[in-house]
Amino acid sequence: MVNRKELDAEGSPGARFGQRLRMLRDERGWTQDELAVRMGCSGTHISAVETGRRRPTPRFAASADKAFGTGDQLERQGRAVWNTAILEGFPEFVAHEVRATEIRLFELGIIPGLLQTPEYAAAITTGALRRGAITEQQAEERLTLLAQRQASLDRTPAPLVYAVLDESCIRRVVGGPRIMAAQLDRLVAFAELPSTVLQVAPYDLGERRSFDLPVTLLTLADRSQIAYAESAQQGRLERDIRYVQPLLTAYHQLQAEALSQAASVAVFEQARKGTP
């Protein structure tokens, strides 16, 4: 079959669900559109679930079980997907991020995941665990995925990473003084890499700061560009250049208004002096 995407059955719960869905469909000789008619959705939706680009909902799983006559097998398998701490849309974003040639990001409140030390990341995750926001299994899932994302930066050629951190990322102490000091050291070291530009958007930027929410912009090998942003419940990946281009323009404006990399490093080092 032409352009049939290989599935990673050893990947996330969503990937395993998609692999199972495709297997059941193939066994019956149905196309995605034929299954979609039986389930009351679209063939595009079926494709997105099979390839892990869209997370199956409880209603989707129950509808698939009814179409295949599988009792509640898919509904039970789907529980592993619904119990994940990874937002819908994020796995698709990561699949692009690990292949991007350029990564542009802006973050508020916490150091971006790609720049976090293991101890800083663990402190963030432990906080969520203590609040009851995630389970231990979900905490482990988050940290494992973060380690994989960070490891992807070591590929050759390395992607160009442009990061603008709101000053709140630096002033908010996470994990205590020792962990925060090591995290600031990590930022200084990251800024020294030949493939990175790291800047601080200071508080006094005020209304000149382009973004009020975190945003990530990716440039792929074919020079196409995509944007990713998150709400509390899900992530959204945007490919339409009509929406991506204004974000890219705003990002360039933010870089122009932010501190230079040299001045930003001085901020990190000054903040480091205030920690033991």
Protein backbone atom coordinates (compact mmCIF):
# COMPACT_ATOMS: atom_id res chain seq x y z
CA MET A 1 0.00 0.00 0.00
CA VAL A 2 1.35 3.43 -1.01
CA ASN A 3 2.35 5.86 1.76
CA ARG A 4 1.31 3.48 4.53
CA LYS A 5 2.99 4.75 7.67
CA GLU A 6 4.74 2.18 9.85
CA LEU A 7 3.46 2.15 13.42
CA ASP A 8 5.54 1.98 16.59
CA ALA A 9 3.82 -0.64 18.73
CA GLU A 10 6.51 -0.22 21.40
CA GLY A 11 5.86 3.49 21.74
CA SER A 12 3.24 5.33 23.78
CA PRO A 13 -0.12 3.87 24.87
CA GLY A 14 -1.68 5.91 22.08
CA ALA A 15 0.67 4.29 19.54
CA ARG A 16 -0.23 0.83 20.80
CA PHE A 17 -3.92 1.65 20.60
CA GLY A 18 -3.48 2.84 17.03
CA GLN A 19 -1.60 -0.32 16.09
CA ARG A 20 -4.40 -2.46 17.53
CA LEU A 21 -7.04 -0.42 15.69
CA ARG A 22 -5.24 -0.87 12.37
CA MET A 23 -4.75 -4.60 12.94
CA LEU A 24 -8.48 -5.11 13.60
CA ARG A 25 -9.34 -3.05 10.53
CA ASP A 26 -6.88 -4.95 8.32
CA GLU A 27 -8.24 -8.30 9.52
CA ARG A 28 -11.65 -7.29 8.19
CA GLY A 29 -10.29 -5.82 4.97
CA TRP A 30 -11.83 -2.41 5.67
CA THR A 31 -10.41 0.88 4.51
CA GLN A 32 -10.18 3.76 6.95
CA ASP A 33 -13.18 5.38 5.27
CA GLU A 34 -15.22 2.17 5.57
CA LEU A 35 -14.46 1.92 9.28
CA ALA A 36 -15.26 5.61 9.65
CA VAL A 37 -18.76 5.07 8.19
CA ARG A 38 -19.38 2.29 10.73
CA MET A 39 -18.18 4.52 13.58
CA GLY A 40 -19.80 7.77 12.50
CA CYS A 41 -16.57 9.76 12.10
CA SER A 42 -14.18 10.58 9.26
CA GLY A 43 -11.42 8.56 7.62
CA THR A 44 -9.02 11.36 8.54
CA HIS A 45 -9.92 10.86 12.20
CA ILE A 46 -9.26 7.11 11.93
CA SER A 47 -5.89 7.80 10.30
CA ALA A 48 -4.93 10.26 13.04
CA VAL A 49 -5.73 7.75 15.79
CA GLU A 50 -3.95 4.89 14.03
CA THR A 51 -0.75 6.91 13.63
CA GLY A 52 -0.88 8.34 17.15
CA ARG A 53 -1.49 11.91 16.02
CA ARG A 54 -4.82 12.02 17.84
CA ARG A 55 -5.67 10.47 21.18
CA PRO A 56 -8.71 8.13 21.18
CA THR A 57 -11.52 9.27 23.47
CA PRO A 58 -13.65 6.86 25.55
CA ARG A 59 -16.49 7.45 23.09
CA PHE A 60 -14.21 6.63 20.12
CA ALA A 61 -13.02 3.40 21.76
CA ALA A 62 -16.56 2.29 22.60
CA SER A 63 -17.66 3.03 19.03
CA ALA A 64 -14.72 1.03 17.64
CA ASP A 65 -15.55 -1.92 19.90
CA LYS A 66 -19.13 -1.84 18.59
CA ALA A 67 -17.95 -1.71 14.96
CA PHE A 68 -15.50 -4.59 15.39
CA GLY A 69 -17.66 -6.63 17.78
CA THR A 70 -14.81 -6.77 20.30
CA GLY A 71 -16.83 -6.28 23.48
CA ASP A 72 -14.92 -3.73 25.55
CA GLN A 73 -11.37 -4.67 24.51
CA LEU A 74 -10.48 -1.34 22.94
CA GLU A 75 -12.22 0.57 25.69
CA ARG A 76 -10.09 -1.23 28.29
CA GLN A 77 -6.91 -0.68 26.26
CA GLY A 78 -7.81 2.98 25.95
CA ARG A 79 -7.63 3.51 29.71
CA ALA A 80 -3.84 3.50 29.46
CA VAL A 81 -4.13 6.34 26.95
CA TRP A 82 -6.57 8.39 29.03
CA ASN A 83 -4.46 7.98 32.17
CA THR A 84 -1.36 9.45 30.55
CA ALA A 85 0.02 12.79 31.76
CA ILE A 86 1.06 13.74 28.21
CA LEU A 87 -1.31 16.26 26.65
CA GLU A 88 -3.17 15.44 23.47
CA GLY A 89 -1.22 16.88 20.56
CA PHE A 90 2.13 16.72 22.34
CA PRO A 91 3.30 13.34 20.93
CA GLU A 92 2.74 14.69 17.41
CA PHE A 93 4.70 17.83 18.30
CA VAL A 94 7.61 15.78 19.71
CA ALA A 95 7.76 13.72 16.50
CA HIS A 96 8.47 16.97 14.64
CA GLU A 97 10.67 18.50 17.33
CA VAL A 98 13.22 15.67 17.24
CA ARG A 99 13.68 16.26 13.48
CA ALA A 100 13.49 20.06 13.39
CA THR A 101 16.43 22.02 12.05
CA GLU A 102 15.50 25.12 14.07
CA ILE A 103 13.63 25.39 17.37
CA ARG A 104 12.35 28.72 18.67
CA LEU A 105 10.73 28.82 22.09
CA PHE A 106 9.41 31.27 24.63
CA GLU A 107 8.59 30.24 28.18
CA LEU A 108 7.01 31.79 31.27
CA GLY A 109 7.41 30.78 34.91
CA ILE A 110 9.64 27.72 34.54
CA ILE A 111 12.76 26.80 32.59
CA PRO A 112 11.78 25.12 29.27
CA GLY A 113 12.01 21.33 29.32
CA LEU A 114 14.81 21.16 26.75
CA LEU A 115 17.01 23.30 29.04
CA GLN A 116 16.14 21.67 32.38
CA THR A 117 18.60 19.72 34.51
CA PRO A 118 17.36 16.26 35.61
CA GLU A 119 17.06 17.54 39.20
CA TYR A 120 15.03 20.60 38.18
CA ALA A 121 12.73 18.44 36.03
CA ALA A 122 12.31 15.97 38.88
CA ALA A 123 11.40 18.78 41.27
CA ILE A 124 8.70 20.07 38.91
CA THR A 125 7.31 16.57 38.48
CA THR A 126 7.45 15.83 42.22
CA GLY A 127 5.45 18.98 42.87
CA ALA A 128 2.72 17.80 40.52
CA LEU A 129 2.81 14.36 42.14
CA ARG A 130 2.41 15.78 45.64
CA ARG A 131 -0.54 17.89 44.53
CA GLY A 132 -2.22 14.77 43.20
CA ALA A 133 -2.19 16.17 39.66
CA ILE A 134 -0.40 13.10 38.29
CA THR A 135 0.39 9.54 39.39
CA GLU A 136 3.83 8.03 39.92
CA GLN A 137 3.52 6.24 36.58
CA GLN A 138 2.64 9.49 34.85
CA ALA A 139 5.56 11.24 36.55
CA GLU A 140 7.94 8.60 35.22
CA GLU A 141 6.38 8.93 31.77
CA ARG A 142 7.00 12.68 31.76
CA LEU A 143 10.63 12.38 32.82
CA THR A 144 11.36 9.60 30.34
CA LEU A 145 9.93 11.61 27.45
CA LEU A 146 11.85 14.72 28.53
CA ALA A 147 15.13 12.79 28.58
CA GLN A 148 14.44 11.53 25.06
CA ARG A 149 13.71 15.06 23.83
CA GLN A 150 16.88 16.43 25.36
CA ALA A 151 18.95 13.59 23.90
CA SER A 152 17.66 14.47 20.42
CA LEU A 153 19.53 17.80 20.61
CA ASP A 154 22.81 15.88 20.35
CA ARG A 155 22.13 14.77 16.79
CA THR A 156 24.38 15.79 13.88
CA PRO A 157 23.91 18.37 12.59
CA ALA A 158 22.56 19.87 15.79
CA PRO A 159 19.38 21.94 15.50
CA LEU A 160 19.64 25.68 16.02
CA VAL A 161 17.85 26.53 19.27
CA TYR A 162 16.64 30.05 19.97
CA ALA A 163 15.19 30.47 23.47
CA VAL A 164 13.71 33.54 25.11
CA LEU A 165 12.94 33.12 28.81
CA ASP A 166 10.66 35.49 30.66
CA GLU A 167 12.48 36.82 33.74
CA SER A 168 9.99 34.88 35.88
CA CYS A 169 11.73 31.67 34.78
CA ILE A 170 14.91 32.87 36.49
CA ARG A 171 13.39 34.41 39.61
CA ARG A 172 11.15 31.47 40.53
CA VAL A 173 13.19 29.09 42.70
CA VAL A 174 12.40 25.46 41.95
CA GLY A 175 13.68 22.57 44.08
CA GLY A 176 15.56 24.78 46.51
CA PRO A 177 18.76 26.86 46.23
CA ARG A 178 21.11 24.00 45.32
CA ILE A 179 18.99 22.69 42.45
CA MET A 180 18.30 26.21 41.21
CA ALA A 181 22.00 27.10 41.28
CA ALA A 182 22.82 24.05 39.15
CA GLN A 183 20.01 24.98 36.78
CA LEU A 184 21.40 28.48 36.33
CA ASP A 185 24.83 26.97 35.63
CA ARG A 186 23.16 24.83 33.00
CA LEU A 187 21.70 27.92 31.31
CA VAL A 188 25.13 29.57 31.17
CA ALA A 189 26.62 26.43 29.61
CA PHE A 190 23.73 26.16 27.14
CA ALA A 191 24.26 29.76 26.02
CA GLU A 192 27.90 28.96 25.19
CA LEU A 193 26.99 26.28 22.64
CA PRO A 194 27.59 27.23 18.99
CA SER A 195 24.06 26.21 17.97
CA THR A 196 22.11 28.21 20.57
CA VAL A 197 20.92 31.74 21.29
CA LEU A 198 19.56 32.29 24.81
CA GLN A 199 17.94 35.55 25.90
CA VAL A 200 15.96 36.94 28.83
CA ALA A 201 12.81 39.01 28.43
CA PRO A 202 13.06 41.27 31.52
CA TYR A 203 10.09 42.35 33.60
CA ASP A 204 10.50 45.96 32.48
CA LEU A 205 9.71 44.91 28.91
CA GLY A 206 6.11 45.39 30.01
CA GLU A 207 3.63 45.69 27.18
CA ARG A 208 6.43 45.26 24.61
CA ARG A 209 6.59 41.53 25.33
CA SER A 210 5.04 39.82 22.30
CA PHE A 211 3.58 36.76 24.02
CA ASP A 212 1.50 36.15 27.13
CA LEU A 213 1.64 32.37 26.80
CA PRO A 214 4.45 29.89 26.04
CA VAL A 215 4.99 29.16 22.37
CA THR A 216 7.29 26.92 20.33
CA LEU A 217 8.05 27.35 16.63
CA LEU A 218 9.73 24.63 14.59
CA THR A 219 11.44 24.83 11.22
CA LEU A 220 11.65 21.46 9.48
CA ALA A 221 14.18 20.20 6.95
CA ASP A 222 11.96 21.23 4.03
CA ARG A 223 11.84 24.77 5.52
CA SER A 224 8.17 24.43 6.42
CA GLN A 225 7.25 25.86 9.80
CA ILE A 226 4.83 24.78 12.50
CA ALA A 227 3.76 26.25 15.83
CA TYR A 228 2.81 24.53 19.07
CA ALA A 229 0.96 25.95 22.06
CA GLU A 230 -0.78 24.43 25.08
CA SER A 231 -3.89 24.99 27.14
CA ALA A 232 -4.50 23.22 30.44
CA GLN A 233 -6.11 20.25 28.69
CA GLN A 234 -4.45 19.85 25.31
CA GLY A 235 -1.72 20.94 22.95
CA ARG A 236 -2.37 22.34 19.50
CA LEU A 237 -0.08 21.97 16.51
CA GLU A 238 -0.60 24.59 13.80
CA ARG A 239 0.76 24.13 10.25
CA ASP A 240 -1.20 26.76 8.35
CA ILE A 241 1.31 29.45 7.37
CA ARG A 242 -1.44 32.08 7.73
CA TYR A 243 -1.36 31.47 11.47
CA VAL A 244 2.28 30.49 11.90
CA GLN A 245 3.76 33.53 10.14
CA PRO A 246 2.33 36.14 12.57
CA LEU A 247 3.73 34.12 15.47
CA LEU A 248 7.14 34.00 13.81
CA THR A 249 7.04 37.77 13.28
CA ALA A 250 6.09 38.30 16.92
CA TYR A 251 8.96 36.04 17.97
CA HIS A 252 11.49 38.10 16.01
CA GLN A 253 10.08 41.23 17.62
CA LEU A 254 10.48 39.64 21.04
CA GLN A 255 14.11 38.74 20.32
CA ALA A 256 14.78 42.34 19.32
CA GLU A 257 13.27 43.65 22.57
CA ALA A 258 14.86 41.04 24.87
CA LEU A 259 18.29 41.35 26.46
CA SER A 260 21.26 40.33 24.34
CA GLN A 261 22.75 36.91 25.01
CA ALA A 262 25.73 38.46 26.80
CA ALA A 263 23.44 40.55 29.02
CA SER A 264 21.22 37.52 29.62
CA VAL A 265 24.19 35.41 30.74
CA ALA A 266 25.05 38.21 33.17
CA VAL A 267 21.52 37.91 34.59
CA PHE A 268 22.00 34.15 35.07
CA GLU A 269 25.35 34.66 36.77
CA GLN A 270 24.00 37.41 39.03
CA ALA A 271 21.06 35.23 40.03
CA ARG A 272 23.53 32.38 40.64
CA LYS A 273 25.41 34.56 43.15
CA GLY A 274 22.23 34.84 45.16
CA THR A 275 22.09 31.05 45.66
CA PRO A 276 24.41 29.01 47.91
